[in-house]
N, C-alpha and C. Protein backbone atom coordinates (compact mmCIF):
# COMPACT_ATOMS: atom_id res chain seq x y z
N MET A 1 94.68 87.18 63.01
CA MET A 1 94.25 87.55 64.12
C MET A 1 95.12 86.04 64.49
N SER A 2 96.04 86.36 65.67
CA SER A 2 97.20 85.12 66.27
C SER A 2 96.20 84.17 66.98
N PRO A 3 96.45 82.59 66.63
CA PRO A 3 95.49 81.57 67.14
C PRO A 3 96.17 81.97 68.76
N LEU A 4 95.42 81.30 69.56
CA LEU A 4 95.75 81.51 71.32
C LEU A 4 96.34 80.11 71.60
N ARG A 5 97.55 80.70 72.52
CA ARG A 5 98.24 79.39 72.74
C ARG A 5 98.42 79.06 74.05
N ALA A 6 98.05 80.16 74.84
CA ALA A 6 98.46 80.20 76.59
C ALA A 6 97.62 80.96 77.17
N VAL A 7 97.10 80.45 78.65
CA VAL A 7 96.29 80.77 79.24
C VAL A 7 96.67 81.62 80.58
N VAL A 8 96.50 83.10 81.11
CA VAL A 8 97.05 83.74 81.75
C VAL A 8 96.48 84.04 82.72
N PHE A 9 96.09 83.65 83.93
CA PHE A 9 95.35 84.16 85.01
C PHE A 9 95.89 85.52 86.09
N ASP A 10 94.88 85.91 86.20
CA ASP A 10 95.15 86.69 87.76
C ASP A 10 95.06 85.72 89.06
N CYS A 11 95.72 86.17 90.05
CA CYS A 11 95.40 85.30 90.89
C CYS A 11 94.43 85.37 92.21
N ASP A 12 94.29 86.68 92.75
CA ASP A 12 93.66 86.89 94.07
C ASP A 12 92.41 86.95 93.31
N GLY A 13 91.56 86.38 93.85
CA GLY A 13 89.90 86.12 93.06
C GLY A 13 89.85 85.46 92.35
N VAL A 14 90.81 85.32 91.28
CA VAL A 14 90.36 84.17 90.21
C VAL A 14 90.74 82.78 90.68
N LEU A 15 91.85 82.41 91.33
CA LEU A 15 92.65 80.88 91.75
C LEU A 15 92.14 80.74 92.73
N VAL A 16 92.20 81.97 93.88
CA VAL A 16 92.21 81.98 95.61
C VAL A 16 91.60 82.77 95.93
N ASP A 17 90.95 82.61 97.04
CA ASP A 17 89.74 83.35 97.36
C ASP A 17 90.37 83.69 98.83
N SER A 18 91.72 84.63 98.39
CA SER A 18 92.21 85.13 99.29
C SER A 18 92.16 86.89 99.92
N GLU A 19 90.91 87.10 99.51
CA GLU A 19 90.52 88.31 99.83
C GLU A 19 90.08 88.33 101.58
N PRO A 20 89.45 87.71 101.69
CA PRO A 20 88.95 87.44 103.46
C PRO A 20 90.32 87.66 104.31
N HIS A 21 91.46 86.52 103.70
CA HIS A 21 93.08 86.63 104.43
C HIS A 21 93.47 88.61 104.37
N SER A 22 93.48 88.45 103.38
CA SER A 22 94.02 89.73 102.85
C SER A 22 93.74 91.11 104.09
N ILE A 23 92.09 91.00 103.78
CA ILE A 23 91.61 92.25 104.85
C ILE A 23 91.94 91.63 106.22
N ALA A 24 91.94 90.48 106.87
CA ALA A 24 92.35 89.86 108.10
C ALA A 24 93.40 90.33 108.70
N ALA A 25 94.29 90.17 107.52
CA ALA A 25 95.97 90.86 107.93
C ALA A 25 96.12 92.40 107.97
N TRP A 26 95.62 93.13 107.23
CA TRP A 26 95.17 94.27 107.27
C TRP A 26 94.80 94.78 108.38
N LEU A 27 93.84 94.13 109.19
CA LEU A 27 93.29 94.69 110.28
C LEU A 27 93.95 94.49 111.39
N VAL A 28 94.67 93.31 111.42
CA VAL A 28 95.72 93.20 112.16
C VAL A 28 96.69 94.17 112.63
N VAL A 29 97.28 94.08 111.34
CA VAL A 29 98.62 95.40 111.80
C VAL A 29 97.93 96.48 111.46
N LEU A 30 97.19 96.92 111.27
CA LEU A 30 96.72 98.29 111.58
C LEU A 30 95.92 98.16 112.77
N GLY A 31 95.39 97.73 113.40
CA GLY A 31 94.83 97.64 114.54
C GLY A 31 95.63 97.57 115.57
N GLY A 32 96.89 96.45 115.35
CA GLY A 32 97.91 96.89 116.83
C GLY A 32 98.79 98.45 116.59
N ARG A 33 98.14 99.26 115.71
CA ARG A 33 98.97 100.77 115.84
C ARG A 33 97.77 101.51 116.13
N GLY A 34 96.44 101.02 116.62
CA GLY A 34 95.22 102.27 117.24
C GLY A 34 94.68 102.65 115.70
N HIS A 35 95.25 102.27 114.57
CA HIS A 35 94.62 103.08 113.24
C HIS A 35 93.16 102.71 113.11
N ARG A 36 92.19 103.60 112.35
CA ARG A 36 90.91 103.40 112.83
C ARG A 36 90.24 102.99 111.33
N ALA A 37 90.87 102.61 110.48
CA ALA A 37 90.78 101.87 109.35
C ALA A 37 89.75 100.46 109.87
N VAL A 38 88.48 100.46 108.67
CA VAL A 38 87.50 99.70 109.35
C VAL A 38 87.87 98.50 108.04
N ARG A 39 86.99 97.27 108.11
CA ARG A 39 86.89 96.20 107.27
C ARG A 39 86.21 97.03 105.75
N SER A 40 85.48 97.68 105.75
CA SER A 40 84.92 98.40 104.38
C SER A 40 85.98 99.54 104.00
N ASP A 41 87.03 100.02 104.22
CA ASP A 41 88.02 100.11 104.01
C ASP A 41 88.78 99.78 103.35
N VAL A 42 88.96 98.69 103.92
CA VAL A 42 89.93 97.89 103.00
C VAL A 42 89.42 97.15 102.21
N GLU A 43 88.26 96.51 102.45
CA GLU A 43 87.30 96.02 101.00
C GLU A 43 87.37 96.87 100.05
N ALA A 44 87.53 98.48 99.68
CA ALA A 44 87.84 99.37 99.20
C ALA A 44 88.89 99.01 98.05
N CYS A 45 89.69 98.68 98.37
CA CYS A 45 91.01 98.20 97.72
C CYS A 45 91.29 97.07 97.53
N THR A 46 90.29 96.07 97.19
CA THR A 46 89.93 95.01 96.58
C THR A 46 90.94 94.88 95.05
N GLY A 47 91.52 94.41 94.43
CA GLY A 47 92.41 94.70 93.20
C GLY A 47 93.45 95.18 92.71
N LEU A 48 93.31 96.11 94.18
CA LEU A 48 94.61 97.01 93.78
C LEU A 48 96.16 96.36 94.36
N GLY A 49 97.16 96.89 94.46
CA GLY A 49 98.31 96.41 94.34
C GLY A 49 98.72 97.15 96.22
N TYR A 50 99.89 96.61 96.35
CA TYR A 50 99.85 96.86 97.86
C TYR A 50 100.31 98.65 98.14
N GLY A 51 100.83 99.35 97.16
CA GLY A 51 101.37 100.51 97.40
C GLY A 51 99.95 101.43 97.04
N PRO A 52 99.39 101.18 95.88
CA PRO A 52 97.89 101.69 96.23
C PRO A 52 96.88 102.02 97.41
N THR A 53 97.06 100.45 98.27
CA THR A 53 96.38 99.99 99.57
C THR A 53 96.57 100.36 100.53
N TYR A 54 98.21 100.50 100.78
CA TYR A 54 98.64 101.42 101.62
C TYR A 54 98.22 102.85 101.57
N ALA A 55 98.85 103.89 100.92
CA ALA A 55 98.18 104.80 100.49
C ALA A 55 96.94 105.32 100.95
N HIS A 56 95.74 104.05 100.04
CA HIS A 56 94.24 104.67 100.65
C HIS A 56 94.34 104.48 102.10
N LEU A 57 95.06 103.33 102.51
CA LEU A 57 94.36 103.41 104.19
C LEU A 57 95.49 104.30 105.25
N ALA A 58 96.18 104.29 104.70
CA ALA A 58 97.19 105.52 105.46
C ALA A 58 96.36 106.71 105.55
N ALA A 59 95.53 107.28 104.52
CA ALA A 59 94.68 108.31 104.08
C ALA A 59 93.74 108.42 104.81
N VAL A 60 93.11 107.14 105.36
CA VAL A 60 91.70 107.33 106.33
C VAL A 60 91.91 107.72 107.57
N ASP A 61 93.01 107.30 108.04
CA ASP A 61 93.64 107.76 109.51
C ASP A 61 94.77 108.53 109.34
N PRO A 62 94.99 109.83 109.11
CA PRO A 62 96.13 110.50 108.80
C PRO A 62 96.81 110.78 110.04
N ALA A 63 95.74 111.06 111.18
CA ALA A 63 96.41 111.31 112.59
C ALA A 63 97.61 109.75 112.97
N THR A 64 97.12 108.72 112.58
CA THR A 64 97.82 107.57 113.35
C THR A 64 98.92 107.66 112.04
N VAL A 65 100.32 107.51 112.40
CA VAL A 65 101.06 107.50 111.32
C VAL A 65 102.04 106.52 111.50
N LEU A 66 102.01 105.55 110.04
CA LEU A 66 102.23 104.21 109.76
C LEU A 66 103.63 104.37 109.12
N PRO A 67 104.22 103.40 109.66
CA PRO A 67 105.63 102.93 109.18
C PRO A 67 105.97 103.28 107.89
N ALA A 68 106.88 103.40 106.91
CA ALA A 68 107.00 103.61 105.61
C ALA A 68 106.49 102.40 105.26
N ALA A 69 106.04 102.46 103.59
CA ALA A 69 105.49 101.21 103.24
C ALA A 69 106.08 100.05 103.26
N ASP A 70 107.51 99.99 102.46
CA ASP A 70 108.37 99.13 102.51
C ASP A 70 108.74 98.47 104.03
N GLU A 71 108.31 99.24 105.33
CA GLU A 71 109.03 99.04 106.54
C GLU A 71 107.77 97.61 106.82
N LEU A 72 106.42 98.48 106.58
CA LEU A 72 105.16 97.62 107.01
C LEU A 72 105.02 96.54 106.42
N TRP A 73 105.86 96.61 105.34
CA TRP A 73 105.15 95.07 104.19
C TRP A 73 105.68 93.82 105.23
N PRO A 74 107.20 93.66 105.50
CA PRO A 74 107.15 92.49 106.28
C PRO A 74 106.43 92.19 107.18
N GLU A 75 105.54 93.01 108.33
CA GLU A 75 104.68 92.89 108.85
C GLU A 75 103.58 92.00 108.30
N LEU A 76 103.07 92.92 107.51
CA LEU A 76 102.03 92.32 106.84
C LEU A 76 101.95 91.20 106.19
N LEU A 77 102.96 90.75 105.85
CA LEU A 77 103.42 89.82 104.97
C LEU A 77 103.01 88.22 106.14
N ASP A 78 103.78 88.59 107.12
CA ASP A 78 103.60 87.59 108.56
C ASP A 78 102.07 87.29 108.75
N ALA A 79 101.54 88.58 108.61
CA ALA A 79 100.05 88.27 109.42
C ALA A 79 99.41 87.43 108.36
N LEU A 80 99.68 88.05 106.91
CA LEU A 80 98.88 87.01 106.00
C LEU A 80 99.41 85.69 105.86
N ALA A 81 100.75 85.22 106.30
CA ALA A 81 101.20 83.90 106.29
C ALA A 81 100.36 83.15 107.25
N ALA A 82 100.19 83.70 108.43
CA ALA A 82 99.11 83.12 109.22
C ALA A 82 97.93 82.75 109.31
N SER A 83 97.66 83.51 108.30
CA SER A 83 96.28 83.76 108.01
C SER A 83 95.70 82.60 107.13
N PHE A 84 96.66 82.53 106.04
CA PHE A 84 96.99 81.47 105.15
C PHE A 84 97.20 80.19 105.89
N ASP A 85 97.81 80.01 106.88
CA ASP A 85 98.31 78.68 107.53
C ASP A 85 97.00 78.19 107.96
N ALA A 86 96.17 79.12 108.25
CA ALA A 86 94.41 78.81 109.02
C ALA A 86 93.59 78.03 107.75
N GLY A 87 93.90 78.14 106.75
CA GLY A 87 93.02 77.93 105.62
C GLY A 87 93.03 78.45 104.46
N LEU A 88 93.67 78.24 103.37
CA LEU A 88 93.75 78.54 102.08
C LEU A 88 93.48 77.71 100.95
N GLU A 89 92.35 77.92 100.46
CA GLU A 89 92.16 77.13 99.00
C GLU A 89 91.73 77.45 98.35
N PRO A 90 92.47 77.17 97.01
CA PRO A 90 92.18 77.57 95.48
C PRO A 90 90.71 77.14 95.21
N PHE A 91 89.87 78.43 94.25
CA PHE A 91 88.51 77.79 94.26
C PHE A 91 88.61 76.65 93.08
N PRO A 92 88.05 75.39 93.38
CA PRO A 92 87.77 74.66 92.76
C PRO A 92 87.76 74.57 91.42
N ASP A 93 86.91 74.89 90.62
CA ASP A 93 86.67 75.27 89.00
C ASP A 93 88.32 75.64 88.79
N ALA A 94 88.61 76.57 89.32
CA ALA A 94 90.22 77.23 88.97
C ALA A 94 91.31 76.17 89.18
N ALA A 95 91.34 75.78 90.19
CA ALA A 95 92.22 74.34 90.41
C ALA A 95 92.25 73.31 89.31
N ASP A 96 90.74 72.68 88.92
CA ASP A 96 90.57 71.79 88.24
C ASP A 96 90.89 72.24 86.61
N ALA A 97 90.85 73.46 86.30
CA ALA A 97 90.97 74.30 85.01
C ALA A 97 92.73 74.43 84.61
N VAL A 98 93.34 74.57 86.00
CA VAL A 98 94.61 74.95 85.60
C VAL A 98 95.04 73.64 85.59
N ALA A 99 94.89 72.58 86.34
CA ALA A 99 95.95 71.37 86.22
C ALA A 99 95.00 70.69 84.86
N ALA A 100 94.31 70.78 84.41
CA ALA A 100 94.07 70.20 83.21
C ALA A 100 94.79 70.58 81.95
N LEU A 101 94.84 72.47 81.86
CA LEU A 101 95.45 72.71 80.84
C LEU A 101 96.94 72.64 80.77
N ALA A 102 97.73 72.48 82.13
CA ALA A 102 99.17 72.03 82.03
C ALA A 102 99.03 70.48 81.92
N ALA A 103 98.40 69.71 82.46
CA ALA A 103 98.28 68.22 81.57
C ALA A 103 98.13 67.97 80.21
N GLU A 104 97.77 68.81 79.59
CA GLU A 104 97.62 69.43 78.27
C GLU A 104 99.00 70.20 77.44
N GLY A 105 99.93 70.32 78.19
CA GLY A 105 100.70 70.80 77.69
C GLY A 105 100.71 72.24 77.19
N VAL A 106 99.29 72.86 77.57
CA VAL A 106 98.72 74.57 77.24
C VAL A 106 100.12 75.11 78.57
N PRO A 107 100.42 76.52 77.57
CA PRO A 107 101.56 77.23 78.56
C PRO A 107 100.76 77.82 79.80
N VAL A 108 100.77 77.85 80.91
CA VAL A 108 99.93 78.69 81.83
C VAL A 108 100.66 79.56 82.70
N GLY A 109 100.17 80.48 82.79
CA GLY A 109 100.88 82.06 83.27
C GLY A 109 99.75 82.46 84.39
N VAL A 110 100.70 83.32 85.39
CA VAL A 110 99.86 84.29 86.03
C VAL A 110 100.28 85.45 86.20
N ALA A 111 99.36 86.82 85.99
CA ALA A 111 99.75 88.09 85.84
C ALA A 111 99.06 88.64 87.61
N SER A 112 99.49 89.09 88.26
CA SER A 112 99.24 89.31 89.56
C SER A 112 99.63 90.86 89.98
N SER A 113 98.94 91.87 90.46
CA SER A 113 98.95 92.81 90.92
C SER A 113 99.82 92.67 92.61
N SER A 114 100.18 91.54 92.97
CA SER A 114 100.71 91.47 94.23
C SER A 114 102.06 91.50 94.31
N PRO A 115 102.90 92.00 95.08
CA PRO A 115 104.00 91.86 94.93
C PRO A 115 104.80 90.19 95.34
N ARG A 116 106.15 90.25 94.80
CA ARG A 116 106.23 89.11 94.13
C ARG A 116 106.18 87.67 95.48
N GLN A 117 106.67 88.60 96.79
CA GLN A 117 106.65 87.91 97.93
C GLN A 117 105.26 87.11 98.19
N ARG A 118 104.56 88.03 98.11
CA ARG A 118 103.22 87.69 98.60
C ARG A 118 102.79 86.50 97.84
N LEU A 119 103.11 86.80 96.10
CA LEU A 119 102.40 85.83 95.41
C LEU A 119 102.95 84.68 94.91
N ASP A 120 104.28 84.25 95.61
CA ASP A 120 105.04 82.83 95.99
C ASP A 120 104.29 82.37 97.00
N LEU A 121 104.24 83.32 98.11
CA LEU A 121 103.19 82.70 98.78
C LEU A 121 101.85 82.10 98.71
N THR A 122 101.44 83.06 97.97
CA THR A 122 99.76 82.72 97.95
C THR A 122 99.70 81.02 97.14
N LEU A 123 100.62 81.27 96.12
CA LEU A 123 100.47 80.09 94.91
C LEU A 123 101.31 79.00 95.79
N GLY A 124 102.16 79.16 96.52
CA GLY A 124 102.67 77.93 97.55
C GLY A 124 101.82 77.64 98.52
N CYS A 125 101.03 78.21 99.18
CA CYS A 125 99.82 78.02 100.16
C CYS A 125 98.67 77.16 99.49
N SER A 126 98.71 77.80 98.54
CA SER A 126 97.02 76.98 97.57
C SER A 126 97.67 75.40 97.14
N GLY A 127 98.82 75.45 96.82
CA GLY A 127 99.01 73.90 96.02
C GLY A 127 99.19 73.85 94.67
N LEU A 128 99.31 75.48 94.06
CA LEU A 128 98.87 75.16 92.43
C LEU A 128 100.20 75.76 91.80
N ALA A 129 101.70 76.34 92.56
CA ALA A 129 102.79 76.92 92.47
C ALA A 129 103.23 75.96 91.32
N GLY A 130 103.29 74.63 91.09
CA GLY A 130 104.02 73.84 89.91
C GLY A 130 103.14 73.66 89.24
N HIS A 131 101.95 74.12 88.34
CA HIS A 131 101.34 74.21 87.30
C HIS A 131 101.80 75.02 86.59
N PHE A 132 102.22 76.34 87.18
CA PHE A 132 102.47 77.14 86.09
C PHE A 132 103.86 77.21 85.29
N THR A 133 103.91 77.83 84.06
CA THR A 133 105.28 77.84 83.45
C THR A 133 106.26 78.99 83.75
N ALA A 134 105.35 80.75 83.53
CA ALA A 134 105.65 81.62 84.13
C ALA A 134 104.75 82.30 85.12
N THR A 135 105.42 83.61 86.21
CA THR A 135 104.18 84.24 86.69
C THR A 135 104.89 85.53 86.58
N ALA A 136 104.44 86.67 86.77
CA ALA A 136 104.58 88.12 86.80
C ALA A 136 104.13 88.85 88.28
N ALA A 137 104.49 89.34 88.95
CA ALA A 137 104.30 90.22 89.91
C ALA A 137 104.05 91.59 89.89
N GLY A 138 103.47 92.48 90.40
CA GLY A 138 103.33 93.54 90.89
C GLY A 138 103.91 94.69 90.78
N ASP A 139 104.94 94.44 91.72
CA ASP A 139 106.03 94.95 91.65
C ASP A 139 107.71 94.69 90.95
N GLU A 140 107.15 93.75 89.92
CA GLU A 140 107.92 93.83 88.69
C GLU A 140 107.75 94.63 87.42
N VAL A 141 106.88 95.47 87.60
CA VAL A 141 106.61 96.21 86.52
C VAL A 141 106.27 97.89 87.31
N ALA A 142 106.71 98.37 85.96
CA ALA A 142 106.55 99.87 86.43
C ALA A 142 105.12 100.67 86.87
N ARG A 143 104.17 100.06 86.04
CA ARG A 143 102.83 100.48 86.19
C ARG A 143 101.76 99.29 86.45
N GLY A 144 100.89 99.56 87.75
CA GLY A 144 100.02 98.44 88.25
C GLY A 144 98.26 98.27 87.15
N LYS A 145 97.76 97.38 87.42
CA LYS A 145 96.59 97.21 86.37
C LYS A 145 95.56 98.49 86.50
N PRO A 146 95.38 99.05 85.84
CA PRO A 146 94.70 98.21 84.38
C PRO A 146 95.67 98.83 83.84
N ALA A 147 97.19 99.38 83.94
CA ALA A 147 97.91 99.35 82.83
C ALA A 147 98.12 97.92 82.42
N PRO A 148 98.86 98.18 81.28
CA PRO A 148 98.92 96.56 80.35
C PRO A 148 100.41 95.84 81.06
N ASP A 149 101.06 96.00 81.97
CA ASP A 149 102.55 95.75 81.94
C ASP A 149 102.77 94.44 82.68
N VAL A 150 101.81 93.99 83.51
CA VAL A 150 102.00 92.98 84.49
C VAL A 150 101.73 92.00 82.95
N TYR A 151 100.29 92.18 82.46
CA TYR A 151 100.32 91.06 81.46
C TYR A 151 101.37 90.98 80.00
N LEU A 152 101.96 92.02 79.70
CA LEU A 152 102.73 92.25 79.10
C LEU A 152 104.26 91.10 79.09
N LEU A 153 104.62 91.07 80.75
CA LEU A 153 105.22 90.97 81.40
C LEU A 153 105.17 89.05 81.74
N ALA A 154 104.30 88.69 81.42
CA ALA A 154 103.72 87.38 81.61
C ALA A 154 103.51 86.87 80.24
N ALA A 155 103.23 87.44 79.25
CA ALA A 155 103.36 87.33 78.14
C ALA A 155 104.68 86.77 77.67
N GLU A 156 106.04 87.99 77.91
CA GLU A 156 106.98 87.98 77.58
C GLU A 156 107.83 86.91 78.08
N ARG A 157 107.25 86.35 79.41
CA ARG A 157 108.26 84.98 80.17
C ARG A 157 107.65 83.98 79.70
N LEU A 158 106.46 83.77 79.00
CA LEU A 158 106.03 82.31 78.52
C LEU A 158 106.28 82.73 77.16
N GLY A 159 107.21 83.45 76.21
CA GLY A 159 107.81 83.28 75.35
C GLY A 159 107.17 83.67 74.15
N LEU A 160 105.74 84.26 74.02
CA LEU A 160 104.99 84.50 73.44
C LEU A 160 104.33 85.79 73.51
N ALA A 161 103.45 86.50 71.92
CA ALA A 161 103.00 87.61 71.90
C ALA A 161 101.81 87.54 73.05
N ALA A 162 101.45 88.78 73.72
CA ALA A 162 100.41 88.87 74.11
C ALA A 162 99.20 88.34 73.81
N GLU A 163 99.25 88.84 72.12
CA GLU A 163 98.02 88.41 71.19
C GLU A 163 97.61 86.82 71.48
N GLU A 164 98.66 86.60 71.75
CA GLU A 164 98.61 84.67 71.41
C GLU A 164 98.08 83.94 72.75
N CYS A 165 98.15 85.03 73.81
CA CYS A 165 97.43 84.68 75.01
C CYS A 165 95.69 84.98 75.55
N VAL A 166 95.27 84.16 75.98
CA VAL A 166 93.89 84.45 76.58
C VAL A 166 94.18 84.94 78.34
N ALA A 167 93.63 85.79 78.94
CA ALA A 167 93.24 85.94 80.18
C ALA A 167 92.25 85.46 80.80
N VAL A 168 92.27 85.39 82.50
CA VAL A 168 91.27 85.19 83.18
C VAL A 168 91.28 86.26 84.25
N GLU A 169 90.22 86.55 84.45
CA GLU A 169 90.35 87.84 85.46
C GLU A 169 88.98 87.77 86.19
N ASP A 170 88.68 88.56 87.33
CA ASP A 170 87.74 89.19 88.15
C ASP A 170 86.99 90.11 88.57
N THR A 171 87.84 91.19 87.96
CA THR A 171 87.46 92.44 87.92
C THR A 171 87.70 93.61 87.15
N GLY A 172 86.76 94.44 86.73
CA GLY A 172 87.04 95.43 85.72
C GLY A 172 88.41 95.99 85.41
N PRO A 173 89.27 96.47 86.14
CA PRO A 173 90.78 96.99 86.06
C PRO A 173 91.51 95.81 85.34
N GLY A 174 91.27 94.44 85.99
CA GLY A 174 92.18 93.38 85.36
C GLY A 174 91.85 92.91 84.12
N ALA A 175 90.53 93.48 83.91
CA ALA A 175 90.14 92.87 82.60
C ALA A 175 90.51 93.80 81.11
N GLU A 176 90.79 95.32 82.35
CA GLU A 176 91.35 96.20 80.84
C GLU A 176 92.43 96.30 80.83
N SER A 177 93.40 95.50 81.91
CA SER A 177 94.96 95.55 82.02
C SER A 177 94.89 94.39 80.56
N ALA A 178 94.34 93.40 80.95
CA ALA A 178 94.59 92.40 79.64
C ALA A 178 94.26 92.83 78.66
N ARG A 179 93.47 93.23 78.45
CA ARG A 179 92.81 93.87 77.25
C ARG A 179 93.85 94.84 76.54
N ALA A 180 93.81 95.71 77.06
CA ALA A 180 95.52 97.12 77.18
C ALA A 180 96.21 96.26 76.31
N ALA A 181 96.89 94.68 77.16
CA ALA A 181 97.99 94.31 76.69
C ALA A 181 97.72 93.52 75.20
N GLY A 182 96.51 93.19 74.82
CA GLY A 182 96.19 92.84 73.70
C GLY A 182 95.88 91.23 74.11
N MET A 183 95.23 90.96 74.93
CA MET A 183 94.73 89.84 74.96
C MET A 183 93.37 89.78 75.15
N SER A 184 92.80 88.51 74.57
CA SER A 184 91.36 88.24 74.89
C SER A 184 90.97 88.17 76.28
N VAL A 185 89.90 88.17 76.90
CA VAL A 185 89.38 88.13 78.55
C VAL A 185 88.68 87.33 78.54
N VAL A 186 88.44 86.05 79.41
CA VAL A 186 87.67 85.43 79.94
C VAL A 186 87.27 85.94 81.49
N GLY A 187 86.11 86.29 81.80
CA GLY A 187 85.60 87.44 83.35
C GLY A 187 85.10 86.33 83.94
N VAL A 188 85.34 85.81 85.19
CA VAL A 188 84.78 84.81 86.06
C VAL A 188 84.19 86.01 86.86
N ALA A 189 82.93 85.98 86.93
CA ALA A 189 82.10 86.73 88.23
C ALA A 189 81.89 85.77 89.42
N ARG A 190 83.18 86.36 90.25
CA ARG A 190 83.35 85.49 91.46
C ARG A 190 82.15 86.76 92.64
N ASP A 191 82.77 87.73 92.16
CA ASP A 191 81.19 89.07 92.46
C ASP A 191 80.74 89.22 91.77
N PRO A 192 79.18 89.27 92.11
CA PRO A 192 78.20 89.93 91.17
C PRO A 192 78.29 91.40 91.04
N ALA A 193 78.83 92.23 91.80
CA ALA A 193 79.35 93.60 91.48
C ALA A 193 79.89 93.93 90.34
N GLU A 194 80.69 92.90 90.02
CA GLU A 194 81.85 93.00 89.07
C GLU A 194 81.40 92.79 87.75
N ARG A 195 80.19 92.17 87.55
CA ARG A 195 79.76 91.76 86.18
C ARG A 195 79.76 92.94 85.08
N LYS A 196 79.27 94.16 85.67
CA LYS A 196 79.20 95.42 84.49
C LYS A 196 80.84 95.54 84.24
N ARG A 197 81.17 95.66 85.35
CA ARG A 197 82.38 96.27 85.00
C ARG A 197 83.52 95.38 84.29
N LEU A 198 83.18 93.98 84.30
CA LEU A 198 83.77 92.93 83.70
C LEU A 198 83.38 93.10 82.02
N LEU A 199 81.91 93.13 81.97
CA LEU A 199 81.75 93.35 80.64
C LEU A 199 81.93 94.24 79.82
N ASP A 200 82.08 95.78 80.87
CA ASP A 200 82.37 97.07 80.00
C ASP A 200 83.79 97.04 79.52
N ALA A 201 84.60 96.07 80.53
CA ALA A 201 86.13 95.90 80.06
C ALA A 201 86.02 95.45 78.79
N GLY A 202 84.92 94.99 78.10
CA GLY A 202 85.44 93.75 76.84
C GLY A 202 85.67 92.03 77.32
N ALA A 203 85.56 91.55 78.81
CA ALA A 203 85.61 90.70 78.93
C ALA A 203 84.37 89.54 78.43
N ASN A 204 84.84 88.39 78.16
CA ASN A 204 83.59 87.42 78.17
C ASN A 204 83.15 86.75 79.30
N LEU A 205 81.94 86.90 79.55
CA LEU A 205 81.37 86.41 81.08
C LEU A 205 81.23 85.15 81.20
N VAL A 206 81.70 84.46 82.43
CA VAL A 206 81.28 83.20 82.54
C VAL A 206 80.93 83.12 83.79
N ASP A 207 79.71 82.21 84.72
CA ASP A 207 79.76 82.32 86.56
C ASP A 207 80.97 81.62 86.41
N VAL A 208 81.50 80.42 86.52
CA VAL A 208 82.48 79.19 86.78
C VAL A 208 83.32 79.21 85.40
N LEU A 209 84.70 78.69 85.83
CA LEU A 209 85.54 78.22 84.93
C LEU A 209 85.33 76.89 84.67
N THR A 210 85.68 76.48 83.44
CA THR A 210 85.97 74.99 82.94
C THR A 210 87.01 74.73 82.39
N ALA A 211 87.36 73.04 82.44
CA ALA A 211 88.61 73.04 81.66
C ALA A 211 88.60 73.15 79.94
N ASP A 212 86.71 72.75 79.96
CA ASP A 212 86.55 72.54 78.62
C ASP A 212 86.56 73.59 77.56
N LEU A 213 86.43 74.76 78.49
CA LEU A 213 85.87 75.94 78.20
C LEU A 213 86.84 76.63 77.52
N LEU A 214 88.10 76.46 78.58
CA LEU A 214 89.62 77.11 78.01
C LEU A 214 90.44 76.15 77.31
N LEU A 215 90.40 74.96 77.13
CA LEU A 215 91.20 74.20 76.05
C LEU A 215 90.49 74.77 75.03
N GLY A 216 89.19 74.72 74.69
CA GLY A 216 88.54 75.09 73.67
C GLY A 216 88.80 76.33 73.04
N LEU A 217 89.57 76.99 73.80
CA LEU A 217 90.06 78.30 73.46
C LEU A 217 91.65 78.77 72.68
N VAL A 218 92.30 77.46 73.14
CA VAL A 218 93.78 77.31 72.80
C VAL A 218 94.10 76.05 72.31
N ARG A 219 92.89 75.75 71.71
CA ARG A 219 93.31 74.24 70.90
C ARG A 219 92.99 75.05 69.43
């Protein structure tokens, strides 16, 4: 087994509590068109990338015709940026762990289902962007999570084999993605409903992230 040398984080739900902002942005954009999607419809898409989320929500109210996904995207991004401006904070445990890893010279990456524009917006607004050696976004790979593509890309950009990286995830599909890439996985149980899915995907479950835990894995 290769020694672990780097940590690759999922973004939404692991580094930042962005889901409330994402839900709010979708509801603003869809509501402005008279679309009948409600909060629970958007919540059902948690962990999915933009394309699958758009497809799911379009099917909720097919009588309301939405612009094509690529045409709707700039409007959604603007709504998301406005919501982030009202207050996007990283999870304190994640912020502390990322800073400690970077300070120790451990390569730190991100593997996100979000498109590149949203990922850069999220990391920038959260104040975390400067800590990462490499990032990989959902629109830069052929297949989204739970396929391994985005984690493989993150490892490639770190200059390492996937087996040399440990992933940090908060959802079952995300953990499946990292495991399929060949990474070991720490699952942080932000949402109690994901505990079983994380365990079933082979993640080592924790309630909070600590710098000592992650540093201990890569030293």
